[in-house]
Amino acid sequence: MQIVKEIYEFTRANNLADNESDFSLKWLNKSARYYNMLKLTGRDASFDALIRLSTNLQLRKTAYKQSRIKEMQDIGNSIEAFDQKLHNVIKARTIAEAVFLS
């Protein structure tokens, strides 16, 4: 899933995750190999993982945006943009699954 990859790359570039295992544990609240499994299999992240990722983005966004340091505020703004994008993905996926099930 492209949005998860983009968020992973952002967290690595900004030293918010050390590696794929760290991202899986801290951001997706999944096992250390979860993100790697997604990459290797081409599967989409579970709905649960997307919700957990969104929750973690929201928590960190608030902390970074409240900082007095401009660079931290900029990271908070980027996190907010990623979270909005992720919300759109979650919404679209929810609608698609509802249509499929009906």
PDB file of N, CA and C in Angstrom:
ATOM      1  N   MET A   1       0.853  -1.175   0.000  1.00  0.00           N
ATOM      2  CA  MET A   1       0.000   0.000   0.000  1.00  0.00           C
ATOM      3  C   MET A   1       0.898   1.238   0.000  1.00  0.00           C
ATOM      4  N   GLN A   2       0.690   2.091  -0.957  1.00  0.00           N
ATOM      5  CA  GLN A   2       1.565   3.238  -1.187  1.00  0.00           C
ATOM      6  C   GLN A   2       1.637   4.190   0.008  1.00  0.00           C
ATOM      7  N   ILE A   3       0.528   4.485   0.646  1.00  0.00           N
ATOM      8  CA  ILE A   3       0.537   5.443   1.753  1.00  0.00           C
ATOM      9  C   ILE A   3       1.392   4.936   2.910  1.00  0.00           C
ATOM     10  N   VAL A   4       1.345   3.657   3.198  1.00  0.00           N
ATOM     11  CA  VAL A   4       2.150   3.103   4.292  1.00  0.00           C
ATOM     12  C   VAL A   4       3.628   3.216   3.938  1.00  0.00           C
ATOM     13  N   LYS A   5       3.964   2.948   2.685  1.00  0.00           N
ATOM     14  CA  LYS A   5       5.351   3.089   2.227  1.00  0.00           C
ATOM     15  C   LYS A   5       5.813   4.537   2.360  1.00  0.00           C
ATOM     16  N   GLU A   6       4.982   5.480   1.953  1.00  0.00           N
ATOM     17  CA  GLU A   6       5.335   6.901   2.054  1.00  0.00           C
ATOM     18  C   GLU A   6       5.562   7.310   3.504  1.00  0.00           C
ATOM     19  N   ILE A   7       4.705   6.843   4.383  1.00  0.00           N
ATOM     20  CA  ILE A   7       4.848   7.185   5.802  1.00  0.00           C
ATOM     21  C   ILE A   7       6.105   6.540   6.372  1.00  0.00           C
ATOM     22  N   TYR A   8       6.380   5.300   5.980  1.00  0.00           N
ATOM     23  CA  TYR A   8       7.618   4.655   6.430  1.00  0.00           C
ATOM     24  C   TYR A   8       8.830   5.476   5.993  1.00  0.00           C
ATOM     25  N   GLU A   9       8.873   5.849   4.729  1.00  0.00           N
ATOM     26  CA  GLU A   9      10.007   6.621   4.212  1.00  0.00           C
ATOM     27  C   GLU A   9      10.142   7.957   4.935  1.00  0.00           C
ATOM     28  N   PHE A  10       9.030   8.600   5.238  1.00  0.00           N
ATOM     29  CA  PHE A  10       9.053   9.856   5.991  1.00  0.00           C
ATOM     30  C   PHE A  10       9.616   9.642   7.394  1.00  0.00           C
ATOM     31  N   THR A  11       9.162   8.581   8.064  1.00  0.00           N
ATOM     32  CA  THR A  11       9.645   8.333   9.432  1.00  0.00           C
ATOM     33  C   THR A  11      11.140   8.035   9.430  1.00  0.00           C
ATOM     34  N   ARG A  12      11.622   7.323   8.433  1.00  0.00           N
ATOM     35  CA  ARG A  12      13.062   7.039   8.331  1.00  0.00           C
ATOM     36  C   ARG A  12      13.839   8.324   8.061  1.00  0.00           C
ATOM     37  N   ALA A  13      13.366   9.120   7.126  1.00  0.00           N
ATOM     38  CA  ALA A  13      14.074  10.347   6.752  1.00  0.00           C
ATOM     39  C   ALA A  13      14.153  11.341   7.904  1.00  0.00           C
ATOM     40  N   ASN A  14      13.185  11.282   8.811  1.00  0.00           N
ATOM     41  CA  ASN A  14      13.135  12.226   9.930  1.00  0.00           C
ATOM     42  C   ASN A  14      13.519  11.583  11.261  1.00  0.00           C
ATOM     43  N   ASN A  15      14.163  10.423  11.180  1.00  0.00           N
ATOM     44  CA  ASN A  15      14.646   9.709  12.376  1.00  0.00           C
ATOM     45  C   ASN A  15      13.542   9.405  13.380  1.00  0.00           C
ATOM     46  N   LEU A  16      12.352   9.115  12.872  1.00  0.00           N
ATOM     47  CA  LEU A  16      11.233   8.743  13.735  1.00  0.00           C
ATOM     48  C   LEU A  16      11.081   7.224  13.820  1.00  0.00           C
ATOM     49  N   ALA A  17      11.768   6.524  12.927  1.00  0.00           N
ATOM     50  CA  ALA A  17      11.840   5.057  12.963  1.00  0.00           C
ATOM     51  C   ALA A  17      13.248   4.679  12.519  1.00  0.00           C
ATOM     52  N   ASP A  18      13.843   3.732  13.213  1.00  0.00           N
ATOM     53  CA  ASP A  18      15.215   3.324  12.903  1.00  0.00           C
ATOM     54  C   ASP A  18      15.300   2.445  11.659  1.00  0.00           C
ATOM     55  N   ASN A  19      14.289   1.613  11.457  1.00  0.00           N
ATOM     56  CA  ASN A  19      14.293   0.655  10.356  1.00  0.00           C
ATOM     57  C   ASN A  19      12.879   0.087  10.210  1.00  0.00           C
ATOM     58  N   GLU A  20      12.717  -0.883   9.323  1.00  0.00           N
ATOM     59  CA  GLU A  20      11.394  -1.468   9.084  1.00  0.00           C
ATOM     60  C   GLU A  20      10.819  -2.127  10.335  1.00  0.00           C
ATOM     61  N   SER A  21      11.668  -2.803  11.081  1.00  0.00           N
ATOM     62  CA  SER A  21      11.202  -3.462  12.309  1.00  0.00           C
ATOM     63  C   SER A  21      10.699  -2.441  13.315  1.00  0.00           C
ATOM     64  N   ASP A  22      11.458  -1.376  13.478  1.00  0.00           N
ATOM     65  CA  ASP A  22      11.076  -0.318  14.410  1.00  0.00           C
ATOM     66  C   ASP A  22       9.753   0.319  13.983  1.00  0.00           C
ATOM     67  N   PHE A  23       9.600   0.561  12.682  1.00  0.00           N
ATOM     68  CA  PHE A  23       8.357   1.122  12.145  1.00  0.00           C
ATOM     69  C   PHE A  23       7.179   0.193  12.426  1.00  0.00           C
ATOM     70  N   SER A  24       7.379  -1.093  12.188  1.00  0.00           N
ATOM     71  CA  SER A  24       6.318  -2.075  12.445  1.00  0.00           C
ATOM     72  C   SER A  24       5.877  -2.046  13.898  1.00  0.00           C
ATOM     73  N   LEU A  25       6.844  -1.993  14.789  1.00  0.00           N
ATOM     74  CA  LEU A  25       6.550  -2.026  16.225  1.00  0.00           C
ATOM     75  C   LEU A  25       5.960  -0.714  16.732  1.00  0.00           C
ATOM     76  N   LYS A  26       6.603   0.413  16.404  1.00  0.00           N
ATOM     77  CA  LYS A  26       6.215   1.710  16.977  1.00  0.00           C
ATOM     78  C   LYS A  26       5.044   2.390  16.283  1.00  0.00           C
ATOM     79  N   TRP A  27       4.955   2.222  14.981  1.00  0.00           N
ATOM     80  CA  TRP A  27       3.954   2.964  14.223  1.00  0.00           C
ATOM     81  C   TRP A  27       2.740   2.122  13.845  1.00  0.00           C
ATOM     82  N   LEU A  28       2.974   0.849  13.526  1.00  0.00           N
ATOM     83  CA  LEU A  28       1.869  -0.031  13.139  1.00  0.00           C
ATOM     84  C   LEU A  28       1.375  -0.882  14.304  1.00  0.00           C
ATOM     85  N   ASN A  29       2.133  -0.891  15.395  1.00  0.00           N
ATOM     86  CA  ASN A  29       1.820  -1.722  16.567  1.00  0.00           C
ATOM     87  C   ASN A  29       1.617  -3.182  16.167  1.00  0.00           C
ATOM     88  N   LYS A  30       2.495  -3.642  15.326  1.00  0.00           N
ATOM     89  CA  LYS A  30       2.471  -5.024  14.839  1.00  0.00           C
ATOM     90  C   LYS A  30       3.815  -5.675  15.151  1.00  0.00           C
ATOM     91  N   SER A  31       3.974  -6.909  14.722  1.00  0.00           N
ATOM     92  CA  SER A  31       5.239  -7.611  14.956  1.00  0.00           C
ATOM     93  C   SER A  31       6.365  -6.925  14.178  1.00  0.00           C
ATOM     94  N   ALA A  32       7.581  -7.191  14.583  1.00  0.00           N
ATOM     95  CA  ALA A  32       8.747  -6.543  13.978  1.00  0.00           C
ATOM     96  C   ALA A  32       8.874  -6.832  12.479  1.00  0.00           C
ATOM     97  N   ARG A  33       8.343  -7.925  12.011  1.00  0.00           N
ATOM     98  CA  ARG A  33       8.480  -8.305  10.600  1.00  0.00           C
ATOM     99  C   ARG A  33       7.263  -7.932   9.745  1.00  0.00           C
ATOM    100  N   TYR A  34       6.281  -7.278  10.329  1.00  0.00           N
ATOM    101  CA  TYR A  34       5.023  -7.011   9.626  1.00  0.00           C
ATOM    102  C   TYR A  34       5.226  -6.168   8.362  1.00  0.00           C
ATOM    103  N   TYR A  35       5.903  -5.030   8.481  1.00  0.00           N
ATOM    104  CA  TYR A  35       6.084  -4.164   7.311  1.00  0.00           C
ATOM    105  C   TYR A  35       6.881  -4.888   6.228  1.00  0.00           C
ATOM    106  N   ASN A  36       7.897  -5.618   6.627  1.00  0.00           N
ATOM    107  CA  ASN A  36       8.691  -6.383   5.667  1.00  0.00           C
ATOM    108  C   ASN A  36       7.822  -7.413   4.941  1.00  0.00           C
ATOM    109  N   MET A  37       6.925  -8.072   5.672  1.00  0.00           N
ATOM    110  CA  MET A  37       6.014  -9.044   5.067  1.00  0.00           C
ATOM    111  C   MET A  37       5.118  -8.360   4.028  1.00  0.00           C
ATOM    112  N   LEU A  38       4.630  -7.161   4.348  1.00  0.00           N
ATOM    113  CA  LEU A  38       3.794  -6.434   3.391  1.00  0.00           C
ATOM    114  C   LEU A  38       4.565  -6.167   2.103  1.00  0.00           C
ATOM    115  N   LYS A  39       5.798  -5.718   2.250  1.00  0.00           N
ATOM    116  CA  LYS A  39       6.627  -5.428   1.078  1.00  0.00           C
ATOM    117  C   LYS A  39       6.883  -6.679   0.246  1.00  0.00           C
ATOM    118  N   LEU A  40       7.238  -7.762   0.906  1.00  0.00           N
ATOM    119  CA  LEU A  40       7.598  -8.989   0.192  1.00  0.00           C
ATOM    120  C   LEU A  40       6.409  -9.640  -0.506  1.00  0.00           C
ATOM    121  N   THR A  41       5.244  -9.562   0.098  1.00  0.00           N
ATOM    122  CA  THR A  41       4.063 -10.223  -0.466  1.00  0.00           C
ATOM    123  C   THR A  41       3.215  -9.305  -1.340  1.00  0.00           C
ATOM    124  N   GLY A  42       3.420  -7.988  -1.211  1.00  0.00           N
ATOM    125  CA  GLY A  42       2.604  -7.043  -1.960  1.00  0.00           C
ATOM    126  C   GLY A  42       1.208  -6.872  -1.393  1.00  0.00           C
ATOM    127  N   ARG A  43       0.997  -7.395  -0.197  1.00  0.00           N
ATOM    128  CA  ARG A  43      -0.322  -7.294   0.436  1.00  0.00           C
ATOM    129  C   ARG A  43      -0.537  -5.895   1.004  1.00  0.00           C
ATOM    130  N   ASP A  44      -1.802  -5.539   1.160  1.00  0.00           N
ATOM    131  CA  ASP A  44      -2.164  -4.286   1.817  1.00  0.00           C
ATOM    132  C   ASP A  44      -2.099  -4.471   3.323  1.00  0.00           C
ATOM    133  N   ALA A  45      -1.831  -3.392   4.017  1.00  0.00           N
ATOM    134  CA  ALA A  45      -1.858  -3.421   5.480  1.00  0.00           C
ATOM    135  C   ALA A  45      -3.279  -3.724   5.940  1.00  0.00           C
ATOM    136  N   SER A  46      -3.395  -4.397   7.061  1.00  0.00           N
ATOM    137  CA  SER A  46      -4.718  -4.707   7.608  1.00  0.00           C
ATOM    138  C   SER A  46      -5.414  -3.416   8.030  1.00  0.00           C
ATOM    139  N   PHE A  47      -6.726  -3.485   8.114  1.00  0.00           N
ATOM    140  CA  PHE A  47      -7.499  -2.334   8.576  1.00  0.00           C
ATOM    141  C   PHE A  47      -7.035  -1.935   9.976  1.00  0.00           C
ATOM    142  N   ASP A  48      -6.798  -2.926  10.815  1.00  0.00           N
ATOM    143  CA  ASP A  48      -6.312  -2.697  12.175  1.00  0.00           C
ATOM    144  C   ASP A  48      -4.988  -1.930  12.165  1.00  0.00           C
ATOM    145  N   ALA A  49      -4.063  -2.326  11.299  1.00  0.00           N
ATOM    146  CA  ALA A  49      -2.764  -1.652  11.222  1.00  0.00           C
ATOM    147  C   ALA A  49      -2.929  -0.206  10.757  1.00  0.00           C
ATOM    148  N   LEU A  50      -3.839   0.029   9.820  1.00  0.00           N
ATOM    149  CA  LEU A  50      -4.075   1.396   9.339  1.00  0.00           C
ATOM    150  C   LEU A  50      -4.646   2.282  10.442  1.00  0.00           C
ATOM    151  N   ILE A  51      -5.562   1.740  11.223  1.00  0.00           N
ATOM    152  CA  ILE A  51      -6.145   2.509  12.329  1.00  0.00           C
ATOM    153  C   ILE A  51      -5.081   2.813  13.377  1.00  0.00           C
ATOM    154  N   ARG A  52      -4.253   1.825  13.683  1.00  0.00           N
ATOM    155  CA  ARG A  52      -3.181   2.039  14.667  1.00  0.00           C
ATOM    156  C   ARG A  52      -2.176   3.067  14.158  1.00  0.00           C
ATOM    157  N   LEU A  53      -1.858   3.001  12.874  1.00  0.00           N
ATOM    158  CA  LEU A  53      -0.947   3.974  12.281  1.00  0.00           C
ATOM    159  C   LEU A  53      -1.540   5.374  12.379  1.00  0.00           C
ATOM    160  N   SER A  54      -2.809   5.506  12.070  1.00  0.00           N
ATOM    161  CA  SER A  54      -3.476   6.803  12.167  1.00  0.00           C
ATOM    162  C   SER A  54      -3.449   7.334  13.597  1.00  0.00           C
ATOM    163  N   THR A  55      -3.721   6.470  14.544  1.00  0.00           N
ATOM    164  CA  THR A  55      -3.691   6.874  15.955  1.00  0.00           C
ATOM    165  C   THR A  55      -2.303   7.361  16.341  1.00  0.00           C
ATOM    166  N   ASN A  56      -1.278   6.635  15.926  1.00  0.00           N
ATOM    167  CA  ASN A  56       0.091   7.036  16.245  1.00  0.00           C
ATOM    168  C   ASN A  56       0.474   8.340  15.556  1.00  0.00           C
ATOM    169  N   LEU A  57       0.013   8.532  14.337  1.00  0.00           N
ATOM    170  CA  LEU A  57       0.261   9.800  13.651  1.00  0.00           C
ATOM    171  C   LEU A  57      -0.389  10.954  14.411  1.00  0.00           C
ATOM    172  N   GLN A  58      -1.622  10.768  14.844  1.00  0.00           N
ATOM    173  CA  GLN A  58      -2.330  11.826  15.566  1.00  0.00           C
ATOM    174  C   GLN A  58      -1.630  12.187  16.872  1.00  0.00           C
ATOM    175  N   LEU A  59      -1.183  11.180  17.608  1.00  0.00           N
ATOM    176  CA  LEU A  59      -0.496  11.438  18.875  1.00  0.00           C
ATOM    177  C   LEU A  59       0.791  12.224  18.656  1.00  0.00           C
ATOM    178  N   ARG A  60       1.561  11.822  17.676  1.00  0.00           N
ATOM    179  CA  ARG A  60       2.834  12.492  17.423  1.00  0.00           C
ATOM    180  C   ARG A  60       2.627  13.868  16.801  1.00  0.00           C
ATOM    181  N   LYS A  61       1.615  13.988  15.948  1.00  0.00           N
ATOM    182  CA  LYS A  61       1.314  15.284  15.330  1.00  0.00           C
ATOM    183  C   LYS A  61       1.099  16.340  16.404  1.00  0.00           C
ATOM    184  N   THR A  62       0.298  16.021  17.380  1.00  0.00           N
ATOM    185  CA  THR A  62       0.001  16.960  18.459  1.00  0.00           C
ATOM    186  C   THR A  62       1.269  17.360  19.194  1.00  0.00           C
ATOM    187  N   ALA A  63       2.089  16.390  19.530  1.00  0.00           N
ATOM    188  CA  ALA A  63       3.326  16.676  20.265  1.00  0.00           C
ATOM    189  C   ALA A  63       4.270  17.556  19.448  1.00  0.00           C
ATOM    190  N   TYR A  64       4.446  17.238  18.181  1.00  0.00           N
ATOM    191  CA  TYR A  64       5.367  18.007  17.346  1.00  0.00           C
ATOM    192  C   TYR A  64       4.842  19.409  17.056  1.00  0.00           C
ATOM    193  N   LYS A  65       3.558  19.541  16.801  1.00  0.00           N
ATOM    194  CA  LYS A  65       3.012  20.860  16.483  1.00  0.00           C
ATOM    195  C   LYS A  65       3.042  21.806  17.678  1.00  0.00           C
ATOM    196  N   GLN A  66       3.061  21.263  18.888  1.00  0.00           N
ATOM    197  CA  GLN A  66       3.112  22.104  20.083  1.00  0.00           C
ATOM    198  C   GLN A  66       4.526  22.557  20.428  1.00  0.00           C
ATOM    199  N   SER A  67       5.508  22.044  19.717  1.00  0.00           N
ATOM    200  CA  SER A  67       6.898  22.403  19.980  1.00  0.00           C
ATOM    201  C   SER A  67       7.148  23.869  19.631  1.00  0.00           C
ATOM    202  N   ARG A  68       8.118  24.450  20.290  1.00  0.00           N
ATOM    203  CA  ARG A  68       8.524  25.827  19.976  1.00  0.00           C
ATOM    204  C   ARG A  68       9.594  25.857  18.892  1.00  0.00           C
ATOM    205  N   ILE A  69      10.064  24.698  18.506  1.00  0.00           N
ATOM    206  CA  ILE A  69      11.115  24.589  17.494  1.00  0.00           C
ATOM    207  C   ILE A  69      10.457  24.425  16.123  1.00  0.00           C
ATOM    208  N   LYS A  70      10.797  25.327  15.201  1.00  0.00           N
ATOM    209  CA  LYS A  70      10.148  25.341  13.888  1.00  0.00           C
ATOM    210  C   LYS A  70      10.290  24.017  13.150  1.00  0.00           C
ATOM    211  N   GLU A  71      11.461  23.405  13.192  1.00  0.00           N
ATOM    212  CA  GLU A  71      11.673  22.133  12.500  1.00  0.00           C
ATOM    213  C   GLU A  71      10.720  21.058  13.029  1.00  0.00           C
ATOM    214  N   MET A  72      10.494  21.073  14.324  1.00  0.00           N
ATOM    215  CA  MET A  72       9.569  20.111  14.928  1.00  0.00           C
ATOM    216  C   MET A  72       8.136  20.403  14.476  1.00  0.00           C
ATOM    217  N   GLN A  73       7.778  21.682  14.425  1.00  0.00           N
ATOM    218  CA  GLN A  73       6.447  22.063  13.958  1.00  0.00           C
ATOM    219  C   GLN A  73       6.243  21.641  12.506  1.00  0.00           C
ATOM    220  N   ASP A  74       7.303  21.778  11.691  1.00  0.00           N
ATOM    221  CA  ASP A  74       7.225  21.358  10.290  1.00  0.00           C
ATOM    222  C   ASP A  74       6.982  19.852  10.183  1.00  0.00           C
ATOM    223  N   ILE A  75       7.660  19.081  11.036  1.00  0.00           N
ATOM    224  CA  ILE A  75       7.431  17.636  11.059  1.00  0.00           C
ATOM    225  C   ILE A  75       5.979  17.365  11.452  1.00  0.00           C
ATOM    226  N   GLY A  76       5.475  18.105  12.438  1.00  0.00           N
ATOM    227  CA  GLY A  76       4.081  17.956  12.854  1.00  0.00           C
ATOM    228  C   GLY A  76       3.112  18.246  11.723  1.00  0.00           C
ATOM    229  N   ASN A  77       3.409  19.271  10.935  1.00  0.00           N
ATOM    230  CA  ASN A  77       2.555  19.598   9.790  1.00  0.00           C
ATOM    231  C   ASN A  77       2.592  18.498   8.732  1.00  0.00           C
ATOM    232  N   SER A  78       3.767  17.935   8.511  1.00  0.00           N
ATOM    233  CA  SER A  78       3.884  16.822   7.558  1.00  0.00           C
ATOM    234  C   SER A  78       3.126  15.601   8.056  1.00  0.00           C
ATOM    235  N   ILE A  79       3.250  15.321   9.343  1.00  0.00           N
ATOM    236  CA  ILE A  79       2.523  14.195   9.931  1.00  0.00           C
ATOM    237  C   ILE A  79       1.023  14.407   9.762  1.00  0.00           C
ATOM    238  N   GLU A  80       0.570  15.631   9.972  1.00  0.00           N
ATOM    239  CA  GLU A  80      -0.855  15.941   9.809  1.00  0.00           C
ATOM    240  C   GLU A  80      -1.314  15.673   8.375  1.00  0.00           C
ATOM    241  N   ALA A  81      -0.494  16.048   7.400  1.00  0.00           N
ATOM    242  CA  ALA A  81      -0.842  15.816   5.995  1.00  0.00           C
ATOM    243  C   ALA A  81      -0.904  14.317   5.689  1.00  0.00           C
ATOM    244  N   PHE A  82       0.052  13.559   6.220  1.00  0.00           N
ATOM    245  CA  PHE A  82       0.022  12.107   6.029  1.00  0.00           C
ATOM    246  C   PHE A  82      -1.212  11.499   6.682  1.00  0.00           C
ATOM    247  N   ASP A  83      -1.563  11.989   7.851  1.00  0.00           N
ATOM    248  CA  ASP A  83      -2.731  11.444   8.540  1.00  0.00           C
ATOM    249  C   ASP A  83      -4.005  11.718   7.747  1.00  0.00           C
ATOM    250  N   GLN A  84      -4.110  12.895   7.160  1.00  0.00           N
ATOM    251  CA  GLN A  84      -5.290  13.213   6.344  1.00  0.00           C
ATOM    252  C   GLN A  84      -5.358  12.289   5.129  1.00  0.00           C
ATOM    253  N   LYS A  85      -4.221  12.072   4.506  1.00  0.00           N
ATOM    254  CA  LYS A  85      -4.158  11.171   3.358  1.00  0.00           C
ATOM    255  C   LYS A  85      -4.546   9.746   3.774  1.00  0.00           C
ATOM    256  N   LEU A  86      -4.047   9.326   4.929  1.00  0.00           N
ATOM    257  CA  LEU A  86      -4.367   7.995   5.437  1.00  0.00           C
ATOM    258  C   LEU A  86      -5.855   7.874   5.747  1.00  0.00           C
ATOM    259  N   HIS A  87      -6.451   8.927   6.306  1.00  0.00           N
ATOM    260  CA  HIS A  87      -7.895   8.915   6.588  1.00  0.00           C
ATOM    261  C   HIS A  87      -8.690   8.717   5.302  1.00  0.00           C
ATOM    262  N   ASN A  88      -8.258   9.357   4.227  1.00  0.00           N
ATOM    263  CA  ASN A  88      -8.941   9.192   2.942  1.00  0.00           C
ATOM    264  C   ASN A  88      -8.841   7.750   2.444  1.00  0.00           C
ATOM    265  N   VAL A  89      -7.683   7.131   2.632  1.00  0.00           N
ATOM    266  CA  VAL A  89      -7.495   5.731   2.239  1.00  0.00           C
ATOM    267  C   VAL A  89      -8.398   4.824   3.067  1.00  0.00           C
ATOM    268  N   ILE A  90      -8.426   5.059   4.377  1.00  0.00           N
ATOM    269  CA  ILE A  90      -9.262   4.247   5.267  1.00  0.00           C
ATOM    270  C   ILE A  90     -10.735   4.394   4.887  1.00  0.00           C
ATOM    271  N   LYS A  91     -11.152   5.624   4.621  1.00  0.00           N
ATOM    272  CA  LYS A  91     -12.547   5.879   4.244  1.00  0.00           C
ATOM    273  C   LYS A  91     -12.896   5.159   2.941  1.00  0.00           C
ATOM    274  N   ALA A  92     -12.029   5.274   1.943  1.00  0.00           N
ATOM    275  CA  ALA A  92     -12.284   4.623   0.655  1.00  0.00           C
ATOM    276  C   ALA A  92     -12.330   3.106   0.811  1.00  0.00           C
ATOM    277  N   ARG A  93     -11.443   2.579   1.606  1.00  0.00           N
ATOM    278  CA  ARG A  93     -11.415   1.124   1.822  1.00  0.00           C
ATOM    279  C   ARG A  93     -12.670   0.658   2.556  1.00  0.00           C
ATOM    280  N   THR A  94     -13.116   1.438   3.527  1.00  0.00           N
ATOM    281  CA  THR A  94     -14.330   1.099   4.269  1.00  0.00           C
ATOM    282  C   THR A  94     -15.539   1.080   3.337  1.00  0.00           C
ATOM    283  N   ILE A  95     -15.637   2.083   2.475  1.00  0.00           N
ATOM    284  CA  ILE A  95     -16.747   2.154   1.524  1.00  0.00           C
ATOM    285  C   ILE A  95     -16.686   0.982   0.549  1.00  0.00           C
ATOM    286  N   ALA A  96     -15.496   0.687   0.045  1.00  0.00           N
ATOM    287  CA  ALA A  96     -15.344  -0.421  -0.905  1.00  0.00           C
ATOM    288  C   ALA A  96     -15.741  -1.751  -0.273  1.00  0.00           C
ATOM    289  N   GLU A  97     -15.348  -1.964   0.964  1.00  0.00           N
ATOM    290  CA  GLU A  97     -15.702  -3.213   1.644  1.00  0.00           C
ATOM    291  C   GLU A  97     -17.200  -3.283   1.935  1.00  0.00           C
ATOM    292  N   ALA A  98     -17.805  -2.138   2.266  1.00  0.00           N
ATOM    293  CA  ALA A  98     -19.246  -2.115   2.530  1.00  0.00           C
ATOM    294  C   ALA A  98     -20.028  -2.440   1.256  1.00  0.00           C
ATOM    295  N   VAL A  99     -19.586  -1.893   0.141  1.00  0.00           N
ATOM    296  CA  VAL A  99     -20.246  -2.163  -1.140  1.00  0.00           C
ATOM    297  C   VAL A  99     -20.069  -3.633  -1.507  1.00  0.00           C
ATOM    298  N   PHE A 100     -18.878  -4.161  -1.293  1.00  0.00           N
ATOM    299  CA  PHE A 100     -18.598  -5.563  -1.607  1.00  0.00           C
ATOM    300  C   PHE A 100     -19.472  -6.499  -0.782  1.00  0.00           C
ATOM    301  N   LEU A 101     -19.687  -6.160   0.476  1.00  0.00           N
ATOM    302  CA  LEU A 101     -20.455  -7.022   1.371  1.00  0.00           C
ATOM    303  C   LEU A 101     -21.966  -6.911   1.173  1.00  0.00           C
ATOM    304  N   SER A 102     -22.408  -5.842   0.518  1.00  0.00           N
ATOM    305  CA  SER A 102     -23.865  -5.675   0.367  1.00  0.00           C
ATOM    306  C   SER A 102     -24.400  -6.320  -0.879  1.00  0.00           C
TER     307      SER A 102
END
